[in-house]
Amino acid sequence: MAKAPQIPFDFFAPTAASFESFVVGDNAEVVTALYTLTDAFSPVKAPPAVAIWGASSTGKTHLLAATAAAANAHTGDSARFLAARDAFPVDPFVSNRLVCVDNADELTAEQQAWLFTAFNHVAPMGGSVIVSGRTPPAHWPLRDDLRTRLGSGLIFELVAIPQDALPHALAEHAARRGFQLSNEVLTYILSRSRRDVASLWQIVHGIDALSLARKRAVTVPLLREYLAHNAISAERPSENRPDSAAQ
């Protein structure tokens, strides 16, 4: 019997963040505000700062990356995305209209100095600094002058999708991609994968691509084959610990 072809690594590659692939849930206000900022010609005046806070796995990283990507798609190289783990540029006098900084509550002293100068350059030019953290910005362990500036505009709490709403959200997301997830497949995914939205969405995208490549329906056997090769399923959910995944 011929062996099934090896699954290409591309099926496991992270999907680029976009507003279309974000599950809005109860976060319509923040998504609308960020999307408006991506249009340089919007009549709405941009706030000097937008601070987004929420627990891990609520989608903060996704939204900031999606905002930068959408702004650059609309108007060229007008946005920059940075995270606390990144090496920040040497020159803080940026030409970008939007500066998105993920995990701003973890910035080093040097990164804070860069962002302070960048803010004072971007905001007077009508741009915005968009930041994220795990708690309200007033509680971030930053220098006072920077924390005040980052909290001077819009502040949103990002709310996670309830666990009991995940099956419907997954099925709806698959339907938007043009295929259906049966109850059996949904149960298998949720019982054998990390239950954060980023990981679950990657599984939906990957199994869709594998289904098309193999010309097979999305079934439990196909899903089992995908998950056997997929690091997303390496940790099964536990009732005794919080979900673990990228924000």
Protein backbone atom coordinates (compact mmCIF):
# COMPACT_ATOMS: atom_id res chain seq x y z
CA MET A 1 0.00 0.00 0.00
CA ALA A 2 1.37 3.40 -0.97
CA LYS A 3 2.25 5.71 1.88
CA ALA A 4 0.40 8.97 2.26
CA PRO A 5 2.56 11.89 1.17
CA GLN A 6 4.33 13.80 3.92
CA ILE A 7 2.45 16.83 5.15
CA PRO A 8 4.23 19.98 3.94
CA PHE A 9 5.55 22.23 6.69
CA ASP A 10 3.58 25.13 5.19
CA PHE A 11 0.41 23.68 6.69
CA PHE A 12 1.83 24.40 10.15
CA ALA A 13 3.17 27.89 9.41
CA PRO A 14 1.44 30.65 11.40
CA THR A 15 -1.26 32.49 9.49
CA ALA A 16 -0.66 36.21 9.02
CA ALA A 17 -2.73 38.28 11.44
CA SER A 18 -5.65 40.18 9.92
CA PHE A 19 -8.90 41.73 11.04
CA GLU A 20 -10.76 39.14 8.96
CA SER A 21 -9.22 36.25 10.91
CA PHE A 22 -9.91 37.80 14.33
CA VAL A 23 -12.89 36.52 16.29
CA VAL A 24 -14.60 39.71 17.40
CA GLY A 25 -16.90 38.36 20.11
CA ASP A 26 -17.60 41.20 22.56
CA ASN A 27 -14.71 43.30 21.23
CA ALA A 28 -16.41 45.12 18.35
CA GLU A 29 -15.61 48.57 19.75
CA VAL A 30 -11.86 48.07 19.92
CA VAL A 31 -11.73 46.35 16.52
CA THR A 32 -13.64 49.22 14.91
CA ALA A 33 -11.38 51.80 16.57
CA LEU A 34 -8.20 50.08 15.38
CA TYR A 35 -9.49 49.50 11.86
CA THR A 36 -10.40 53.20 11.59
CA LEU A 37 -6.81 54.10 12.45
CA THR A 38 -5.48 52.09 9.49
CA ASP A 39 -7.06 54.56 7.06
CA ALA A 40 -4.86 57.65 6.82
CA PHE A 41 -7.71 59.48 5.08
CA SER A 42 -10.33 58.78 7.74
CA PRO A 43 -12.13 61.97 8.89
CA VAL A 44 -11.94 60.68 12.47
CA LYS A 45 -9.11 62.35 14.38
CA ALA A 46 -6.62 59.77 15.60
CA PRO A 47 -6.08 59.64 19.37
CA PRO A 48 -2.46 60.07 20.49
CA ALA A 49 -2.53 56.62 22.07
CA VAL A 50 -4.63 53.48 22.16
CA ALA A 51 -3.98 51.08 25.04
CA ILE A 52 -5.39 47.55 24.94
CA TRP A 53 -5.24 45.28 27.94
CA GLY A 54 -6.43 41.78 28.73
CA ALA A 55 -5.38 38.33 29.84
CA SER A 56 -3.16 36.03 27.79
CA SER A 57 -4.74 34.45 24.70
CA THR A 58 -7.34 37.18 24.22
CA GLY A 59 -5.79 38.30 20.92
CA LYS A 60 -3.79 41.42 21.78
CA THR A 61 -0.80 40.45 19.64
CA HIS A 62 -3.09 39.48 16.77
CA LEU A 63 -4.91 42.81 16.80
CA LEU A 64 -1.77 44.94 16.94
CA ALA A 65 -0.13 42.96 14.14
CA ALA A 66 -3.35 43.14 12.10
CA THR A 67 -3.52 46.91 12.61
CA ALA A 68 0.04 47.42 11.38
CA ALA A 69 -0.50 45.10 8.41
CA ALA A 70 -3.76 46.78 7.38
CA ALA A 71 -2.27 50.27 7.67
CA ASN A 72 0.69 49.30 5.52
CA ALA A 73 -1.62 47.67 2.95
CA HIS A 74 -3.78 50.79 2.75
CA THR A 75 -1.15 53.53 2.70
CA GLY A 76 2.27 51.98 2.24
CA ASP A 77 4.93 51.74 4.93
CA SER A 78 3.02 53.83 7.49
CA ALA A 79 2.99 51.50 10.49
CA ARG A 80 5.54 49.68 12.58
CA PHE A 81 5.00 46.65 14.84
CA LEU A 82 7.33 45.94 17.76
CA ALA A 83 7.17 43.65 20.78
CA ALA A 84 8.97 43.86 24.12
CA ARG A 85 11.05 40.83 23.15
CA ASP A 86 12.34 42.59 20.02
CA ALA A 87 15.46 44.69 19.62
CA PHE A 88 14.15 48.23 19.23
CA PRO A 89 15.57 50.55 16.57
CA VAL A 90 18.36 52.91 17.58
CA ASP A 91 16.68 55.99 16.14
CA PRO A 92 13.44 56.96 17.94
CA PHE A 93 12.55 59.67 15.41
CA VAL A 94 10.27 57.44 13.38
CA SER A 95 8.44 58.42 10.21
CA ASN A 96 5.62 55.92 10.78
CA ARG A 97 2.10 57.19 11.34
CA LEU A 98 1.26 54.27 13.63
CA VAL A 99 3.62 52.62 16.10
CA CYS A 100 2.26 49.37 17.59
CA VAL A 101 4.07 48.00 20.63
CA ASP A 102 3.00 44.63 22.02
CA ASN A 103 3.60 43.74 25.69
CA ALA A 104 4.39 47.36 26.51
CA ASP A 105 4.08 46.52 30.21
CA GLU A 106 7.34 44.52 29.88
CA LEU A 107 9.55 47.17 28.26
CA THR A 108 13.10 47.66 29.49
CA ALA A 109 14.34 51.10 30.54
CA GLU A 110 16.03 51.53 27.16
CA GLN A 111 12.87 50.52 25.28
CA GLN A 112 10.81 52.91 27.38
CA ALA A 113 13.17 55.75 26.51
CA TRP A 114 12.81 54.91 22.80
CA LEU A 115 9.00 54.78 23.00
CA PHE A 116 8.82 58.04 24.97
CA THR A 117 10.73 59.90 22.26
CA ALA A 118 8.83 58.11 19.49
CA PHE A 119 5.49 59.08 21.09
CA ASN A 120 6.53 62.73 21.29
CA HIS A 121 7.35 62.59 17.59
CA VAL A 122 4.33 60.59 16.33
CA ALA A 123 1.47 62.15 18.34
CA PRO A 124 2.06 65.81 17.31
CA MET A 125 2.07 64.68 13.67
CA GLY A 126 -1.46 63.28 14.06
CA GLY A 127 -0.37 59.67 14.44
CA SER A 128 -1.02 57.16 17.20
CA VAL A 129 0.97 54.86 19.44
CA ILE A 130 -0.93 51.61 20.01
CA VAL A 131 0.17 49.47 22.93
CA SER A 132 -0.93 46.31 24.73
CA GLY A 133 -0.46 44.84 28.18
CA ARG A 134 -1.99 42.40 30.62
CA THR A 135 -3.43 44.97 33.04
CA PRO A 136 -4.84 48.52 32.72
CA PRO A 137 -2.04 50.90 31.64
CA ALA A 138 -2.19 52.81 34.94
CA HIS A 139 -0.68 49.71 36.57
CA TRP A 140 2.15 49.14 34.10
CA PRO A 141 5.63 49.30 35.67
CA LEU A 142 6.82 52.09 33.38
CA ARG A 143 8.35 55.51 33.95
CA ASP A 144 5.63 57.96 34.96
CA ASP A 145 5.92 60.28 31.95
CA LEU A 146 5.57 57.39 29.49
CA ARG A 147 2.73 55.68 31.37
CA THR A 148 0.81 58.97 31.44
CA ARG A 149 1.18 59.44 27.69
CA LEU A 150 0.16 55.87 26.86
CA GLY A 151 -2.98 56.31 28.96
CA SER A 152 -3.89 59.66 27.44
CA GLY A 153 -6.03 58.34 24.61
CA LEU A 154 -8.41 55.40 24.23
CA ILE A 155 -8.24 52.44 26.62
CA PHE A 156 -9.93 49.12 25.89
CA GLU A 157 -10.16 45.83 27.74
CA LEU A 158 -10.00 42.85 25.37
CA VAL A 159 -12.42 40.14 26.45
CA ALA A 160 -11.76 36.46 25.77
CA ILE A 161 -14.27 34.27 23.97
CA PRO A 162 -16.03 32.09 26.60
CA GLN A 163 -14.97 28.45 26.45
CA ASP A 164 -18.53 27.30 25.85
CA ALA A 165 -18.72 29.58 22.79
CA LEU A 166 -15.60 28.15 21.13
CA PRO A 167 -17.36 25.34 19.18
CA HIS A 168 -19.73 27.82 17.52
CA ALA A 169 -16.91 30.28 16.85
CA LEU A 170 -14.76 27.56 15.27
CA ALA A 171 -17.62 26.29 13.11
CA GLU A 172 -18.43 29.83 12.00
CA HIS A 173 -14.80 30.54 11.15
CA ALA A 174 -14.57 27.35 9.08
CA ALA A 175 -17.81 28.26 7.29
CA ARG A 176 -16.31 31.61 6.28
CA ARG A 177 -13.45 29.64 4.72
CA GLY A 178 -15.94 27.55 2.76
CA PHE A 179 -16.09 24.23 4.61
CA GLN A 180 -17.94 22.63 7.51
CA LEU A 181 -16.71 21.19 10.79
CA SER A 182 -18.88 18.36 12.07
CA ASN A 183 -19.67 18.05 15.76
CA GLU A 184 -17.37 15.02 15.87
CA VAL A 185 -14.46 16.99 14.42
CA LEU A 186 -15.13 19.95 16.71
CA THR A 187 -15.14 17.71 19.78
CA TYR A 188 -11.88 16.08 18.67
CA ILE A 189 -10.17 19.45 18.15
CA LEU A 190 -11.25 20.89 21.49
CA SER A 191 -10.36 17.76 23.46
CA ARG A 192 -6.87 17.36 22.01
CA SER A 193 -5.59 20.88 21.37
CA ARG A 194 -4.74 23.97 23.33
CA ARG A 195 -7.93 25.96 23.68
CA ASP A 196 -6.62 29.45 22.94
CA VAL A 197 -8.04 31.10 19.85
CA ALA A 198 -4.70 31.53 18.05
CA SER A 199 -3.92 27.80 18.19
CA LEU A 200 -7.46 26.74 17.29
CA TRP A 201 -7.59 29.11 14.33
CA GLN A 202 -4.27 27.77 13.07
CA ILE A 203 -5.69 24.25 13.19
CA VAL A 204 -8.72 25.35 11.15
CA HIS A 205 -6.47 26.93 8.53
CA GLY A 206 -4.09 23.98 8.46
CA ILE A 207 -6.74 21.26 8.21
CA ASP A 208 -8.48 23.23 5.46
CA ALA A 209 -5.25 23.41 3.45
CA LEU A 210 -4.52 19.72 4.04
CA SER A 211 -8.06 18.76 3.03
CA LEU A 212 -7.71 20.64 -0.25
CA ALA A 213 -4.26 19.19 -0.94
CA ARG A 214 -5.41 15.62 -0.28
CA LYS A 215 -8.82 16.15 -1.91
CA ARG A 216 -10.42 14.63 1.18
CA ALA A 217 -13.19 15.83 3.43
CA VAL A 218 -12.36 17.19 6.87
CA THR A 219 -12.86 14.13 9.05
CA VAL A 220 -11.47 12.90 12.36
CA PRO A 221 -8.91 10.59 10.66
CA LEU A 222 -7.57 13.49 8.58
CA LEU A 223 -7.55 15.74 11.63
CA ARG A 224 -5.77 13.05 13.66
CA GLU A 225 -3.07 12.88 11.00
CA TYR A 226 -2.69 16.66 11.03
CA LEU A 227 -2.50 16.93 14.81
CA ALA A 228 0.03 14.08 15.03
CA HIS A 229 2.50 16.31 13.17
CA ASN A 230 1.43 19.60 14.70
CA ALA A 231 3.09 21.27 17.68
CA ILE A 232 -0.20 23.06 18.46
CA SER A 233 -1.55 19.79 19.84
CA ALA A 234 1.55 19.08 21.95
CA GLU A 235 -0.14 20.24 25.15
CA ARG A 236 -3.60 18.97 25.89
CA PRO A 237 -5.93 21.26 27.83
CA SER A 238 -6.10 20.75 31.56
CA GLU A 239 -8.78 21.79 33.99
CA ASN A 240 -6.08 22.43 36.58
CA ARG A 241 -4.10 25.11 34.76
CA PRO A 242 -4.88 28.18 32.65
CA ASP A 243 -4.72 27.91 28.89
CA SER A 244 -1.23 28.55 27.57
CA ALA A 245 -0.49 30.24 24.27
CA ALA A 246 0.71 33.39 22.63
CA GLN A 247 -1.39 36.44 23.28
